[in-house]
């Protein structure tokens, strides 16, 4: 952890936001927004954790 962490959110937060956005699009396609956001958030977290 360095001083830069105070200036911007951690990378997993961006993964979560991107995942939720992707999930919302998936949810519209699947006609189930809650399920899509859940899937997208999981995908975003997986990508963010993998990049570390």
Protein backbone atom coordinates (compact mmCIF):
# COMPACT_ATOMS: atom_id res chain seq x y z
CA UNK A 1 0.00 0.00 0.00
CA UNK A 2 1.48 3.32 -1.03
CA UNK A 3 0.28 6.92 -0.83
CA UNK A 4 -1.52 6.73 -4.18
CA UNK A 5 -4.23 4.52 -2.67
CA UNK A 6 -5.73 7.57 -0.95
CA UNK A 7 -6.21 9.45 -4.23
CA UNK A 8 -8.14 6.84 -6.20
CA UNK A 9 -10.27 3.83 -5.33
CA UNK A 10 -8.64 0.38 -5.47
CA UNK A 11 -8.71 -1.56 -8.73
CA UNK A 12 -11.32 -4.02 -7.47
CA UNK A 13 -13.76 -1.11 -7.09
CA UNK A 14 -13.38 -0.27 -10.79
CA UNK A 15 -13.82 -3.95 -11.64
CA UNK A 16 -17.02 -3.98 -9.60
CA UNK A 17 -18.35 -0.85 -11.34
CA UNK A 18 -17.47 -2.16 -14.81
CA UNK A 19 -18.90 -5.56 -13.92
CA UNK A 20 -22.14 -3.99 -12.73
CA UNK A 21 -22.39 -2.04 -15.99
CA UNK A 22 -21.81 -5.18 -18.04
CA UNK A 23 -24.23 -7.01 -15.77
CA UNK A 24 -26.94 -4.40 -16.30
CA UNK A 25 -26.61 -4.88 -20.07
CA UNK A 26 -26.70 -8.66 -19.57
CA UNK A 27 -29.70 -8.26 -17.30
CA UNK A 28 -31.62 -6.34 -19.97
CA UNK A 29 -30.75 -9.04 -22.51
CA UNK A 30 -31.81 -11.80 -20.09
CA UNK A 31 -34.86 -9.81 -18.93
CA UNK A 32 -33.60 -10.09 -15.33
CA UNK A 33 -31.59 -7.03 -14.27
CA UNK A 34 -30.86 -8.24 -10.71
CA UNK A 35 -29.37 -11.50 -11.99
CA UNK A 36 -27.35 -9.65 -14.63
CA UNK A 37 -25.89 -7.18 -12.11
CA UNK A 38 -24.99 -10.07 -9.80
CA UNK A 39 -23.23 -11.92 -12.63
CA UNK A 40 -21.49 -8.78 -13.85
CA UNK A 41 -20.27 -7.84 -10.37
CA UNK A 42 -18.87 -11.34 -9.94
CA UNK A 43 -17.13 -11.14 -13.32
CA UNK A 44 -15.72 -7.70 -12.49
CA UNK A 45 -14.40 -8.89 -9.12
CA UNK A 46 -12.81 -11.95 -10.76
CA UNK A 47 -11.01 -9.77 -13.32
CA UNK A 48 -9.85 -7.27 -10.69
CA UNK A 49 -8.53 -9.99 -8.38
CA UNK A 50 -6.81 -11.78 -11.27
CA UNK A 51 -4.95 -8.63 -12.31
CA UNK A 52 -3.23 -8.25 -8.92
